[in-house]
Amino acid sequence: MIWNVNDATTPYDDDKLKYVYTNHRYVLELDNQASATGIDLVTLWQGNDNALMYLEMVSDVCYTYILRFKDSKYFLRMLYYLSHSEEMRRALYEMMIDTVRYNHEDGGFMIAYQTGINLHEMKELRLKIENAVSVIGNQIVRNYGLQQRVNNINMNDMTYFDTLTGLTDHLVDLGYITAEDADIVEEVDDLAYDYRYRCFVNTKGQYVYEDVLTFETALDGYGSDW
């Protein structure tokens, strides 16, 4: 499935979530969490710093729960998708909010607080990951297709052209073919194989340039851009 261009984004902060580049993941904003759940984490955890640490743990649990479904070789690709998709951002927000509610009402990993375990020690609490997320949280994961072992979203950048000439001119501009090569291209299949890109005609009759190295290029920004 080709990634909807309107869904693609870059990591950003707003009143709901902030992006932590060192961990490559989103974390709930404290004030928004309070208004969304009605739970005063600052009072509950006896301080602002402890409340923020708890929200980081909620984020860790949600990401771990999602990533456990994926083959390890898709780990970075999935992190990239979670940080560059508006839809996945919504999924993460819904899941984290539900996890805060679940821990407050039904136990979850917040049972450590109820049994008097120190917050810093709580990171070492042994807990089956499937019990850390509620039934609702698990359904959110399934509703957004995050339980699949392989991410079937094609995250490659696509550029669309109305004419074959527009496509070949683009390839010339990129330095992938020469102007002389472009002059003898009469259809997409005339283009020689190149591992860096793929060209095809979609169902709308548009000529499509697919950057096959999109993710490899994105890795250069891992830890800085995402």
N, C-alpha and C. Protein backbone atom coordinates (compact mmCIF):
# COMPACT_ATOMS: atom_id res chain seq x y z
N MET A 1 0.84 -1.18 0.00
CA MET A 1 0.00 0.00 0.00
C MET A 1 0.88 1.24 0.00
N ILE A 2 0.61 2.16 -0.93
CA ILE A 2 1.40 3.39 -1.02
C ILE A 2 0.96 4.36 0.07
N TRP A 3 1.92 4.96 0.71
CA TRP A 3 1.67 5.91 1.78
C TRP A 3 0.92 7.13 1.22
N ASN A 4 -0.19 7.48 1.87
CA ASN A 4 -0.95 8.65 1.48
C ASN A 4 -0.10 9.89 1.71
N VAL A 5 0.13 10.67 0.66
CA VAL A 5 1.00 11.84 0.77
C VAL A 5 0.47 12.84 1.79
N ASN A 6 -0.86 12.86 1.99
CA ASN A 6 -1.44 13.78 2.96
C ASN A 6 -1.22 13.33 4.40
N ASP A 7 -0.80 12.09 4.58
CA ASP A 7 -0.54 11.56 5.91
C ASP A 7 0.90 11.78 6.35
N ALA A 8 1.78 11.97 5.39
CA ALA A 8 3.20 12.11 5.70
C ALA A 8 3.49 13.43 6.39
N THR A 9 4.34 13.39 7.40
CA THR A 9 4.71 14.58 8.14
C THR A 9 6.13 14.40 8.67
N THR A 10 6.57 15.32 9.46
CA THR A 10 7.83 15.19 10.19
C THR A 10 7.51 15.33 11.67
N PRO A 11 8.37 14.83 12.56
CA PRO A 11 8.07 14.93 13.99
C PRO A 11 7.87 16.39 14.42
N TYR A 12 6.86 16.61 15.24
CA TYR A 12 6.62 17.98 15.73
C TYR A 12 5.95 17.93 17.10
N ASP A 13 6.01 19.05 17.80
CA ASP A 13 5.38 19.20 19.11
C ASP A 13 4.10 20.01 18.97
N ASP A 14 3.10 19.68 19.79
CA ASP A 14 1.92 20.52 19.92
C ASP A 14 1.42 20.40 21.35
N ASP A 15 0.17 20.80 21.60
CA ASP A 15 -0.31 20.79 22.98
C ASP A 15 -0.63 19.37 23.46
N LYS A 16 -0.63 18.39 22.56
CA LYS A 16 -0.94 17.02 22.94
C LYS A 16 0.30 16.16 23.16
N LEU A 17 1.24 16.28 22.24
CA LEU A 17 2.43 15.42 22.26
C LEU A 17 3.69 16.22 21.99
N LYS A 18 4.79 15.78 22.56
CA LYS A 18 6.09 16.32 22.20
C LYS A 18 6.95 15.16 21.70
N TYR A 19 7.87 15.47 20.82
CA TYR A 19 8.73 14.43 20.25
C TYR A 19 10.10 14.49 20.92
N VAL A 20 10.55 13.35 21.43
CA VAL A 20 11.85 13.25 22.10
C VAL A 20 12.82 12.60 21.12
N TYR A 21 13.75 13.38 20.61
CA TYR A 21 14.65 12.91 19.57
C TYR A 21 15.65 11.87 20.07
N THR A 22 16.00 11.95 21.34
CA THR A 22 16.97 10.98 21.86
C THR A 22 16.38 9.58 21.93
N ASN A 23 15.07 9.50 22.14
CA ASN A 23 14.39 8.19 22.21
C ASN A 23 13.58 7.88 20.96
N HIS A 24 13.48 8.85 20.07
CA HIS A 24 12.78 8.67 18.79
C HIS A 24 11.31 8.31 19.00
N ARG A 25 10.66 9.04 19.90
CA ARG A 25 9.26 8.72 20.17
C ARG A 25 8.52 9.92 20.77
N TYR A 26 7.18 9.84 20.67
CA TYR A 26 6.33 10.87 21.23
C TYR A 26 6.02 10.60 22.70
N VAL A 27 5.80 11.68 23.46
CA VAL A 27 5.42 11.61 24.87
C VAL A 27 4.27 12.58 25.08
N LEU A 28 3.31 12.19 25.90
CA LEU A 28 2.18 13.06 26.21
C LEU A 28 2.63 14.34 26.89
N GLU A 29 1.95 15.45 26.54
CA GLU A 29 2.15 16.70 27.25
C GLU A 29 1.34 16.63 28.55
N LEU A 30 1.93 17.06 29.64
CA LEU A 30 1.33 16.89 30.96
C LEU A 30 -0.01 17.59 31.09
N ASP A 31 -0.10 18.84 30.65
CA ASP A 31 -1.35 19.60 30.81
C ASP A 31 -2.48 18.99 30.00
N ASN A 32 -2.18 18.58 28.76
CA ASN A 32 -3.22 17.98 27.92
C ASN A 32 -3.69 16.66 28.50
N GLN A 33 -2.76 15.87 29.01
CA GLN A 33 -3.12 14.60 29.63
C GLN A 33 -4.11 14.81 30.75
N ALA A 34 -3.86 15.85 31.58
CA ALA A 34 -4.74 16.12 32.71
C ALA A 34 -6.15 16.47 32.26
N SER A 35 -6.25 17.30 31.21
CA SER A 35 -7.58 17.68 30.73
C SER A 35 -8.27 16.53 30.01
N ALA A 36 -7.51 15.65 29.35
CA ALA A 36 -8.09 14.54 28.61
C ALA A 36 -8.54 13.40 29.52
N THR A 37 -7.83 13.19 30.61
CA THR A 37 -8.13 12.06 31.49
C THR A 37 -8.77 12.46 32.81
N GLY A 38 -8.60 13.73 33.21
CA GLY A 38 -9.10 14.16 34.50
C GLY A 38 -8.25 13.67 35.66
N ILE A 39 -7.05 13.19 35.37
CA ILE A 39 -6.15 12.63 36.39
C ILE A 39 -5.02 13.62 36.65
N ASP A 40 -4.88 14.01 37.90
CA ASP A 40 -3.82 14.95 38.30
C ASP A 40 -2.56 14.16 38.64
N LEU A 41 -1.72 13.96 37.64
CA LEU A 41 -0.52 13.15 37.85
C LEU A 41 0.49 13.85 38.76
N VAL A 42 0.49 15.18 38.74
CA VAL A 42 1.45 15.90 39.58
C VAL A 42 1.18 15.61 41.05
N THR A 43 -0.11 15.64 41.44
CA THR A 43 -0.47 15.31 42.81
C THR A 43 -0.27 13.83 43.09
N LEU A 44 -0.69 13.01 42.16
CA LEU A 44 -0.61 11.57 42.34
C LEU A 44 0.83 11.09 42.52
N TRP A 45 1.74 11.67 41.72
CA TRP A 45 3.14 11.25 41.77
C TRP A 45 4.01 12.20 42.60
N GLN A 46 3.34 13.12 43.30
CA GLN A 46 4.01 13.98 44.28
C GLN A 46 5.12 14.82 43.65
N GLY A 47 4.78 15.44 42.53
CA GLY A 47 5.75 16.34 41.92
C GLY A 47 5.71 16.33 40.41
N ASN A 48 6.06 17.46 39.82
CA ASN A 48 6.04 17.62 38.37
C ASN A 48 7.04 16.69 37.68
N ASP A 49 8.25 16.61 38.23
CA ASP A 49 9.29 15.77 37.62
C ASP A 49 8.87 14.31 37.60
N ASN A 50 8.28 13.84 38.71
CA ASN A 50 7.83 12.45 38.76
C ASN A 50 6.71 12.19 37.76
N ALA A 51 5.81 13.18 37.61
CA ALA A 51 4.71 13.03 36.66
C ALA A 51 5.24 12.94 35.23
N LEU A 52 6.24 13.78 34.91
CA LEU A 52 6.83 13.73 33.57
C LEU A 52 7.56 12.42 33.33
N MET A 53 8.22 11.91 34.38
CA MET A 53 8.90 10.63 34.25
C MET A 53 7.88 9.50 34.00
N TYR A 54 6.77 9.60 34.67
CA TYR A 54 5.71 8.61 34.47
C TYR A 54 5.20 8.63 33.03
N LEU A 55 5.00 9.82 32.47
CA LEU A 55 4.52 9.91 31.08
C LEU A 55 5.55 9.35 30.11
N GLU A 56 6.83 9.49 30.42
CA GLU A 56 7.86 8.86 29.59
C GLU A 56 7.74 7.34 29.65
N MET A 57 7.40 6.84 30.82
CA MET A 57 7.23 5.40 30.96
C MET A 57 6.00 4.91 30.20
N VAL A 58 4.92 5.71 30.22
CA VAL A 58 3.73 5.38 29.44
C VAL A 58 4.09 5.28 27.96
N SER A 59 4.88 6.25 27.49
CA SER A 59 5.33 6.23 26.10
C SER A 59 6.14 4.98 25.81
N ASP A 60 7.09 4.66 26.70
CA ASP A 60 7.92 3.47 26.50
C ASP A 60 7.07 2.20 26.40
N VAL A 61 6.08 2.10 27.29
CA VAL A 61 5.22 0.92 27.29
C VAL A 61 4.44 0.81 25.98
N CYS A 62 3.87 1.92 25.52
CA CYS A 62 3.07 1.91 24.29
C CYS A 62 3.91 1.56 23.07
N TYR A 63 5.09 2.16 22.97
CA TYR A 63 5.98 1.86 21.85
C TYR A 63 6.44 0.40 21.91
N THR A 64 6.79 -0.08 23.10
CA THR A 64 7.22 -1.46 23.25
C THR A 64 6.11 -2.42 22.87
N TYR A 65 4.89 -2.09 23.25
CA TYR A 65 3.74 -2.93 22.93
C TYR A 65 3.54 -3.02 21.42
N ILE A 66 3.65 -1.88 20.74
CA ILE A 66 3.48 -1.85 19.29
C ILE A 66 4.61 -2.59 18.58
N LEU A 67 5.84 -2.30 18.99
CA LEU A 67 7.00 -2.85 18.30
C LEU A 67 7.18 -4.35 18.54
N ARG A 68 6.56 -4.88 19.56
CA ARG A 68 6.71 -6.32 19.83
C ARG A 68 6.10 -7.17 18.72
N PHE A 69 5.18 -6.59 17.96
CA PHE A 69 4.56 -7.31 16.86
C PHE A 69 5.47 -7.41 15.64
N LYS A 70 6.48 -6.56 15.57
CA LYS A 70 7.28 -6.43 14.36
C LYS A 70 8.53 -7.30 14.39
N ASP A 71 8.87 -7.84 13.22
CA ASP A 71 10.16 -8.50 13.06
C ASP A 71 11.25 -7.47 13.35
N SER A 72 12.31 -7.89 14.03
CA SER A 72 13.36 -6.96 14.45
C SER A 72 13.98 -6.19 13.29
N LYS A 73 13.99 -6.79 12.11
CA LYS A 73 14.61 -6.10 10.97
C LYS A 73 13.78 -4.91 10.50
N TYR A 74 12.53 -4.82 10.96
CA TYR A 74 11.68 -3.68 10.59
C TYR A 74 11.60 -2.65 11.70
N PHE A 75 12.43 -2.80 12.75
CA PHE A 75 12.34 -1.93 13.92
C PHE A 75 12.50 -0.45 13.55
N LEU A 76 13.58 -0.11 12.86
CA LEU A 76 13.82 1.29 12.52
C LEU A 76 12.80 1.83 11.52
N ARG A 77 12.40 0.97 10.60
CA ARG A 77 11.39 1.40 9.63
C ARG A 77 10.08 1.75 10.35
N MET A 78 9.74 0.95 11.35
CA MET A 78 8.50 1.20 12.09
C MET A 78 8.61 2.47 12.91
N LEU A 79 9.77 2.69 13.54
CA LEU A 79 9.97 3.93 14.27
C LEU A 79 9.83 5.14 13.34
N TYR A 80 10.38 5.01 12.14
CA TYR A 80 10.29 6.07 11.15
C TYR A 80 8.82 6.34 10.79
N TYR A 81 8.07 5.27 10.58
CA TYR A 81 6.65 5.41 10.22
C TYR A 81 5.87 6.06 11.37
N LEU A 82 6.12 5.63 12.60
CA LEU A 82 5.41 6.18 13.75
C LEU A 82 5.69 7.67 13.93
N SER A 83 6.87 8.11 13.53
CA SER A 83 7.23 9.51 13.72
C SER A 83 6.91 10.38 12.50
N HIS A 84 6.54 9.76 11.38
CA HIS A 84 6.31 10.53 10.15
C HIS A 84 4.90 10.37 9.60
N SER A 85 3.99 9.83 10.38
CA SER A 85 2.61 9.64 9.93
C SER A 85 1.65 10.34 10.88
N GLU A 86 0.80 11.21 10.35
CA GLU A 86 -0.21 11.87 11.17
C GLU A 86 -1.18 10.85 11.77
N GLU A 87 -1.53 9.84 10.99
CA GLU A 87 -2.46 8.82 11.49
C GLU A 87 -1.85 8.05 12.66
N MET A 88 -0.57 7.70 12.54
CA MET A 88 0.09 6.98 13.62
C MET A 88 0.27 7.87 14.85
N ARG A 89 0.44 9.17 14.62
CA ARG A 89 0.52 10.10 15.75
C ARG A 89 -0.79 10.10 16.52
N ARG A 90 -1.91 10.08 15.80
CA ARG A 90 -3.21 10.01 16.46
C ARG A 90 -3.36 8.70 17.22
N ALA A 91 -2.90 7.61 16.61
CA ALA A 91 -2.99 6.30 17.26
C ALA A 91 -2.20 6.29 18.56
N LEU A 92 -0.99 6.84 18.53
CA LEU A 92 -0.15 6.88 19.72
C LEU A 92 -0.79 7.73 20.81
N TYR A 93 -1.37 8.86 20.43
CA TYR A 93 -2.03 9.72 21.41
C TYR A 93 -3.19 8.99 22.08
N GLU A 94 -4.05 8.38 21.27
CA GLU A 94 -5.18 7.64 21.82
C GLU A 94 -4.73 6.52 22.74
N MET A 95 -3.69 5.82 22.33
CA MET A 95 -3.21 4.69 23.11
C MET A 95 -2.60 5.14 24.43
N MET A 96 -1.82 6.23 24.40
CA MET A 96 -1.20 6.71 25.63
C MET A 96 -2.24 7.24 26.61
N ILE A 97 -3.23 7.97 26.11
CA ILE A 97 -4.29 8.47 26.98
C ILE A 97 -5.03 7.30 27.62
N ASP A 98 -5.34 6.30 26.83
CA ASP A 98 -6.03 5.14 27.38
C ASP A 98 -5.16 4.42 28.41
N THR A 99 -3.86 4.35 28.16
CA THR A 99 -2.96 3.67 29.09
C THR A 99 -2.87 4.39 30.42
N VAL A 100 -2.90 5.73 30.40
CA VAL A 100 -2.92 6.49 31.64
C VAL A 100 -4.19 6.16 32.43
N ARG A 101 -5.34 6.14 31.74
CA ARG A 101 -6.60 5.81 32.40
C ARG A 101 -6.58 4.39 32.95
N TYR A 102 -6.09 3.47 32.15
CA TYR A 102 -6.04 2.06 32.53
C TYR A 102 -5.18 1.85 33.77
N ASN A 103 -4.03 2.48 33.80
CA ASN A 103 -3.15 2.33 34.95
C ASN A 103 -3.76 2.93 36.21
N HIS A 104 -4.51 4.00 36.03
CA HIS A 104 -5.12 4.65 37.18
C HIS A 104 -6.30 3.86 37.74
N GLU A 105 -7.07 3.24 36.84
CA GLU A 105 -8.31 2.60 37.26
C GLU A 105 -8.19 1.09 37.47
N ASP A 106 -7.38 0.43 36.66
CA ASP A 106 -7.39 -1.03 36.65
C ASP A 106 -6.06 -1.69 36.96
N GLY A 107 -5.06 -0.92 37.28
CA GLY A 107 -3.78 -1.56 37.61
C GLY A 107 -2.73 -1.29 36.56
N GLY A 108 -2.63 -2.17 35.55
CA GLY A 108 -1.58 -2.01 34.56
C GLY A 108 -0.23 -1.99 35.23
N PHE A 109 0.72 -1.23 34.71
CA PHE A 109 2.01 -1.16 35.38
C PHE A 109 1.99 -0.15 36.52
N MET A 110 0.88 0.60 36.70
CA MET A 110 0.78 1.53 37.80
C MET A 110 0.50 0.81 39.11
N ILE A 111 0.28 -0.50 39.04
CA ILE A 111 0.11 -1.27 40.27
C ILE A 111 1.36 -1.16 41.15
N ALA A 112 2.49 -0.82 40.52
CA ALA A 112 3.71 -0.60 41.29
C ALA A 112 3.52 0.54 42.28
N TYR A 113 2.79 1.58 41.86
CA TYR A 113 2.53 2.70 42.77
C TYR A 113 1.63 2.25 43.91
N GLN A 114 0.61 1.47 43.59
CA GLN A 114 -0.35 1.04 44.59
C GLN A 114 0.28 0.12 45.63
N THR A 115 1.34 -0.56 45.28
CA THR A 115 1.98 -1.46 46.22
C THR A 115 3.18 -0.82 46.89
N GLY A 116 3.37 0.49 46.63
CA GLY A 116 4.40 1.22 47.35
C GLY A 116 5.79 1.13 46.75
N ILE A 117 5.93 0.63 45.51
CA ILE A 117 7.24 0.57 44.87
C ILE A 117 7.66 1.97 44.44
N ASN A 118 8.88 2.34 44.73
CA ASN A 118 9.39 3.65 44.37
C ASN A 118 9.35 3.83 42.85
N LEU A 119 9.04 5.04 42.41
CA LEU A 119 8.92 5.31 40.98
C LEU A 119 10.18 4.97 40.22
N HIS A 120 11.35 5.27 40.79
CA HIS A 120 12.60 4.97 40.11
C HIS A 120 12.82 3.46 40.03
N GLU A 121 12.36 2.73 41.05
CA GLU A 121 12.49 1.28 41.03
C GLU A 121 11.48 0.65 40.09
N MET A 122 10.44 1.38 39.79
CA MET A 122 9.36 0.86 38.96
C MET A 122 9.84 0.47 37.58
N LYS A 123 10.90 1.10 37.12
CA LYS A 123 11.44 0.77 35.80
C LYS A 123 11.93 -0.67 35.73
N GLU A 124 12.23 -1.25 36.88
CA GLU A 124 12.72 -2.62 36.92
C GLU A 124 11.60 -3.63 37.17
N LEU A 125 10.36 -3.12 37.30
CA LEU A 125 9.24 -4.01 37.59
C LEU A 125 9.06 -5.01 36.45
N ARG A 126 9.00 -6.27 36.78
CA ARG A 126 8.79 -7.31 35.78
C ARG A 126 7.29 -7.47 35.54
N LEU A 127 6.88 -7.27 34.32
CA LEU A 127 5.47 -7.30 33.99
C LEU A 127 5.31 -7.79 32.56
N LYS A 128 4.39 -8.71 32.35
CA LYS A 128 4.14 -9.17 30.99
C LYS A 128 3.60 -8.00 30.18
N ILE A 129 4.21 -7.76 29.03
CA ILE A 129 3.88 -6.58 28.25
C ILE A 129 2.42 -6.58 27.82
N GLU A 130 1.83 -7.76 27.59
CA GLU A 130 0.43 -7.79 27.17
C GLU A 130 -0.51 -7.31 28.26
N ASN A 131 -0.04 -7.31 29.52
CA ASN A 131 -0.87 -6.83 30.63
C ASN A 131 -0.70 -5.35 30.90
N ALA A 132 0.22 -4.73 30.23
CA ALA A 132 0.52 -3.32 30.46
C ALA A 132 -0.42 -2.39 29.70
N VAL A 133 -1.16 -2.94 28.74
CA VAL A 133 -2.09 -2.17 27.92
C VAL A 133 -3.48 -2.75 28.07
N SER A 134 -4.48 -1.90 28.12
CA SER A 134 -5.86 -2.34 28.32
C SER A 134 -6.43 -3.03 27.07
N VAL A 135 -7.60 -3.59 27.23
CA VAL A 135 -8.32 -4.17 26.09
C VAL A 135 -8.58 -3.09 25.04
N ILE A 136 -8.92 -1.89 25.50
CA ILE A 136 -9.16 -0.78 24.58
C ILE A 136 -7.88 -0.40 23.86
N GLY A 137 -6.77 -0.33 24.62
CA GLY A 137 -5.48 -0.01 24.00
C GLY A 137 -5.09 -1.03 22.96
N ASN A 138 -5.33 -2.29 23.26
CA ASN A 138 -5.03 -3.35 22.29
C ASN A 138 -5.90 -3.20 21.04
N GLN A 139 -7.15 -2.79 21.23
CA GLN A 139 -8.03 -2.61 20.07
C GLN A 139 -7.61 -1.42 19.24
N ILE A 140 -7.10 -0.37 19.89
CA ILE A 140 -6.58 0.79 19.15
C ILE A 140 -5.44 0.35 18.24
N VAL A 141 -4.55 -0.50 18.77
CA VAL A 141 -3.44 -1.03 17.98
C VAL A 141 -3.97 -1.78 16.76
N ARG A 142 -5.00 -2.58 16.97
CA ARG A 142 -5.55 -3.37 15.86
C ARG A 142 -6.32 -2.50 14.88
N ASN A 143 -7.03 -1.51 15.38
CA ASN A 143 -7.80 -0.62 14.49
C ASN A 143 -6.89 0.12 13.52
N TYR A 144 -5.69 0.44 13.96
CA TYR A 144 -4.73 1.18 13.12
C TYR A 144 -3.78 0.24 12.37
N GLY A 145 -4.01 -1.07 12.46
CA GLY A 145 -3.19 -2.03 11.72
C GLY A 145 -1.78 -2.20 12.25
N LEU A 146 -1.56 -1.85 13.52
CA LEU A 146 -0.21 -1.89 14.08
C LEU A 146 0.18 -3.26 14.61
N GLN A 147 -0.74 -4.20 14.57
CA GLN A 147 -0.42 -5.54 15.08
C GLN A 147 0.23 -6.42 14.02
N GLN A 148 0.32 -5.94 12.78
CA GLN A 148 0.88 -6.74 11.70
C GLN A 148 2.39 -6.89 11.87
N ARG A 149 2.88 -8.07 11.57
CA ARG A 149 4.31 -8.36 11.74
C ARG A 149 5.16 -7.57 10.76
N VAL A 150 4.64 -7.36 9.57
CA VAL A 150 5.36 -6.61 8.53
C VAL A 150 4.57 -5.35 8.21
N ASN A 151 5.23 -4.23 8.21
CA ASN A 151 4.58 -2.97 7.84
C ASN A 151 4.37 -2.95 6.33
N ASN A 152 3.10 -2.96 5.91
CA ASN A 152 2.82 -3.05 4.47
C ASN A 152 2.64 -1.70 3.81
N ILE A 153 3.04 -0.63 4.51
CA ILE A 153 2.96 0.71 3.94
C ILE A 153 4.26 1.01 3.19
N ASN A 154 4.13 1.34 1.92
CA ASN A 154 5.30 1.75 1.13
C ASN A 154 5.61 3.20 1.48
N MET A 155 6.70 3.43 2.20
CA MET A 155 7.05 4.76 2.69
C MET A 155 7.96 5.54 1.75
N ASN A 156 8.19 5.01 0.57
CA ASN A 156 9.06 5.70 -0.39
C ASN A 156 8.40 6.98 -0.89
N ASP A 157 9.21 8.01 -1.11
CA ASP A 157 8.72 9.25 -1.69
C ASP A 157 8.29 9.02 -3.14
N MET A 158 7.15 9.59 -3.50
CA MET A 158 6.63 9.47 -4.87
C MET A 158 6.48 10.86 -5.48
N THR A 159 6.86 10.99 -6.73
CA THR A 159 6.65 12.23 -7.47
C THR A 159 5.83 11.88 -8.71
N TYR A 160 4.80 12.68 -8.98
CA TYR A 160 3.84 12.35 -10.03
C TYR A 160 3.93 13.34 -11.18
N PHE A 161 3.81 12.80 -12.40
CA PHE A 161 3.91 13.62 -13.61
C PHE A 161 2.76 13.26 -14.56
N ASP A 162 2.29 14.27 -15.26
CA ASP A 162 1.20 14.04 -16.22
C ASP A 162 1.71 13.50 -17.54
N THR A 163 3.01 13.72 -17.82
CA THR A 163 3.57 13.28 -19.10
C THR A 163 4.85 12.48 -18.88
N LEU A 164 5.18 11.66 -19.86
CA LEU A 164 6.43 10.91 -19.82
C LEU A 164 7.62 11.86 -19.89
N THR A 165 7.45 12.94 -20.65
CA THR A 165 8.53 13.92 -20.76
C THR A 165 8.83 14.55 -19.40
N GLY A 166 7.80 14.83 -18.64
CA GLY A 166 7.99 15.38 -17.31
C GLY A 166 8.79 14.44 -16.43
N LEU A 167 8.50 13.15 -16.54
CA LEU A 167 9.22 12.14 -15.77
C LEU A 167 10.68 12.06 -16.20
N THR A 168 10.92 11.98 -17.50
CA THR A 168 12.30 11.84 -17.96
C THR A 168 13.11 13.10 -17.68
N ASP A 169 12.48 14.28 -17.76
CA ASP A 169 13.18 15.52 -17.42
C ASP A 169 13.59 15.49 -15.95
N HIS A 170 12.74 14.93 -15.10
CA HIS A 170 13.05 14.82 -13.67
C HIS A 170 14.26 13.92 -13.47
N LEU A 171 14.31 12.82 -14.20
CA LEU A 171 15.45 11.90 -14.10
C LEU A 171 16.74 12.56 -14.58
N VAL A 172 16.61 13.38 -15.60
CA VAL A 172 17.78 14.12 -16.09
C VAL A 172 18.26 15.10 -15.02
N ASP A 173 17.31 15.82 -14.41
CA ASP A 173 17.66 16.79 -13.37
C ASP A 173 18.36 16.11 -12.19
N LEU A 174 17.95 14.89 -11.89
CA LEU A 174 18.57 14.15 -10.79
C LEU A 174 19.93 13.57 -11.18
N GLY A 175 20.22 13.57 -12.47
CA GLY A 175 21.48 13.03 -12.94
C GLY A 175 21.46 11.52 -13.12
N TYR A 176 20.28 10.94 -13.16
CA TYR A 176 20.17 9.48 -13.29
C TYR A 176 20.23 9.03 -14.75
N ILE A 177 19.80 9.89 -15.65
CA ILE A 177 19.94 9.59 -17.08
C ILE A 177 20.40 10.87 -17.79
N THR A 178 20.89 10.73 -18.98
CA THR A 178 21.32 11.90 -19.75
C THR A 178 20.16 12.40 -20.61
N ALA A 179 20.30 13.61 -21.12
CA ALA A 179 19.29 14.17 -22.01
C ALA A 179 19.16 13.32 -23.28
N GLU A 180 20.29 12.78 -23.72
CA GLU A 180 20.26 11.91 -24.90
C GLU A 180 19.46 10.63 -24.62
N ASP A 181 19.65 10.08 -23.41
CA ASP A 181 18.88 8.89 -23.02
C ASP A 181 17.38 9.21 -22.98
N ALA A 182 17.05 10.38 -22.45
CA ALA A 182 15.65 10.77 -22.32
C ALA A 182 14.98 10.88 -23.68
N ASP A 183 15.72 11.33 -24.68
CA ASP A 183 15.15 11.54 -26.01
C ASP A 183 14.69 10.24 -26.67
N ILE A 184 15.28 9.12 -26.28
CA ILE A 184 14.93 7.86 -26.93
C ILE A 184 13.93 7.03 -26.10
N VAL A 185 13.49 7.59 -24.96
CA VAL A 185 12.50 6.88 -24.14
C VAL A 185 11.11 7.16 -24.69
N GLU A 186 10.43 6.10 -25.12
CA GLU A 186 9.08 6.24 -25.68
C GLU A 186 8.01 5.74 -24.73
N GLU A 187 8.41 4.92 -23.76
CA GLU A 187 7.49 4.44 -22.73
C GLU A 187 8.30 4.10 -21.48
N VAL A 188 7.63 3.96 -20.35
CA VAL A 188 8.31 3.74 -19.08
C VAL A 188 9.22 2.52 -19.13
N ASP A 189 8.78 1.49 -19.79
CA ASP A 189 9.56 0.25 -19.83
C ASP A 189 10.88 0.41 -20.57
N ASP A 190 11.04 1.50 -21.29
CA ASP A 190 12.31 1.74 -21.99
C ASP A 190 13.43 2.17 -21.03
N LEU A 191 13.04 2.59 -19.83
CA LEU A 191 14.04 3.02 -18.86
C LEU A 191 14.80 1.82 -18.31
N ALA A 192 16.11 1.93 -18.26
CA ALA A 192 16.94 0.84 -17.75
C ALA A 192 16.75 0.71 -16.24
N TYR A 193 16.97 -0.49 -15.74
CA TYR A 193 16.85 -0.73 -14.29
C TYR A 193 17.89 0.10 -13.54
N ASP A 194 17.46 0.68 -12.43
CA ASP A 194 18.37 1.43 -11.56
C ASP A 194 17.91 1.18 -10.12
N TYR A 195 18.80 0.72 -9.27
CA TYR A 195 18.43 0.36 -7.90
C TYR A 195 17.96 1.56 -7.08
N ARG A 196 18.24 2.77 -7.55
CA ARG A 196 17.92 3.96 -6.78
C ARG A 196 16.48 4.44 -6.94
N TYR A 197 15.81 3.99 -7.99
CA TYR A 197 14.45 4.48 -8.22
C TYR A 197 13.65 3.46 -9.04
N ARG A 198 12.34 3.71 -9.08
CA ARG A 198 11.45 2.90 -9.90
C ARG A 198 10.45 3.84 -10.56
N CYS A 199 10.13 3.58 -11.80
CA CYS A 199 9.16 4.40 -12.53
C CYS A 199 8.04 3.50 -13.05
N PHE A 200 6.82 4.01 -12.98
CA PHE A 200 5.68 3.23 -13.45
C PHE A 200 4.51 4.16 -13.72
N VAL A 201 3.47 3.62 -14.34
CA VAL A 201 2.24 4.37 -14.60
C VAL A 201 1.19 3.86 -13.63
N ASN A 202 0.57 4.75 -12.85
CA ASN A 202 -0.42 4.30 -11.88
C ASN A 202 -1.80 4.17 -12.51
N THR A 203 -2.78 3.81 -11.70
CA THR A 203 -4.13 3.56 -12.22
C THR A 203 -4.81 4.82 -12.71
N LYS A 204 -4.28 5.99 -12.32
CA LYS A 204 -4.84 7.26 -12.79
C LYS A 204 -4.19 7.74 -14.09
N GLY A 205 -3.25 6.92 -14.60
CA GLY A 205 -2.56 7.29 -15.83
C GLY A 205 -1.41 8.25 -15.60
N GLN A 206 -1.04 8.48 -14.35
CA GLN A 206 0.09 9.37 -14.04
C GLN A 206 1.40 8.61 -14.11
N TYR A 207 2.44 9.32 -14.49
CA TYR A 207 3.78 8.75 -14.49
C TYR A 207 4.39 9.00 -13.11
N VAL A 208 4.87 7.94 -12.49
CA VAL A 208 5.30 8.03 -11.10
C VAL A 208 6.79 7.74 -10.98
N TYR A 209 7.48 8.62 -10.26
CA TYR A 209 8.87 8.39 -9.89
C TYR A 209 8.89 8.01 -8.41
N GLU A 210 9.41 6.82 -8.11
CA GLU A 210 9.50 6.33 -6.73
C GLU A 210 10.96 6.30 -6.29
N ASP A 211 11.25 7.03 -5.23
CA ASP A 211 12.60 7.08 -4.68
C ASP A 211 12.78 5.85 -3.78
N VAL A 212 13.43 4.82 -4.29
CA VAL A 212 13.58 3.56 -3.56
C VAL A 212 14.50 3.72 -2.34
N LEU A 213 15.33 4.75 -2.35
CA LEU A 213 16.28 4.96 -1.25
C LEU A 213 15.77 5.94 -0.20
N THR A 214 14.46 6.17 -0.18
CA THR A 214 13.89 7.14 0.77
C THR A 214 14.30 6.83 2.20
N PHE A 215 14.10 5.59 2.63
CA PHE A 215 14.38 5.25 4.02
C PHE A 215 15.88 5.29 4.30
N GLU A 216 16.68 4.79 3.37
CA GLU A 216 18.13 4.82 3.56
C GLU A 216 18.62 6.26 3.71
N THR A 217 18.04 7.18 2.95
CA THR A 217 18.40 8.59 3.07
C THR A 217 17.94 9.13 4.42
N ALA A 218 16.75 8.70 4.86
CA ALA A 218 16.20 9.17 6.14
C ALA A 218 17.07 8.74 7.31
N LEU A 219 17.75 7.62 7.16
CA LEU A 219 18.61 7.13 8.25
C LEU A 219 19.72 8.11 8.58
N ASP A 220 20.11 8.93 7.61
CA ASP A 220 21.15 9.93 7.85
C ASP A 220 20.69 10.94 8.92
N GLY A 221 19.37 11.10 9.04
CA GLY A 221 18.84 12.05 10.01
C GLY A 221 18.37 11.40 11.30
N TYR A 222 18.64 10.11 11.48
CA TYR A 222 18.21 9.39 12.68
C TYR A 222 18.90 9.98 13.92
N GLY A 223 18.09 10.44 14.86
CA GLY A 223 18.64 11.04 16.07
C GLY A 223 18.73 12.56 16.01
N SER A 224 18.59 13.12 14.80
CA SER A 224 18.61 14.58 14.67
C SER A 224 17.31 15.09 14.06
N ASP A 225 16.92 14.51 12.93
CA ASP A 225 15.66 14.90 12.28
C ASP A 225 14.49 14.07 12.79
N TRP A 226 14.78 12.90 13.29
CA TRP A 226 13.75 12.04 13.88
C TRP A 226 14.42 11.07 14.79
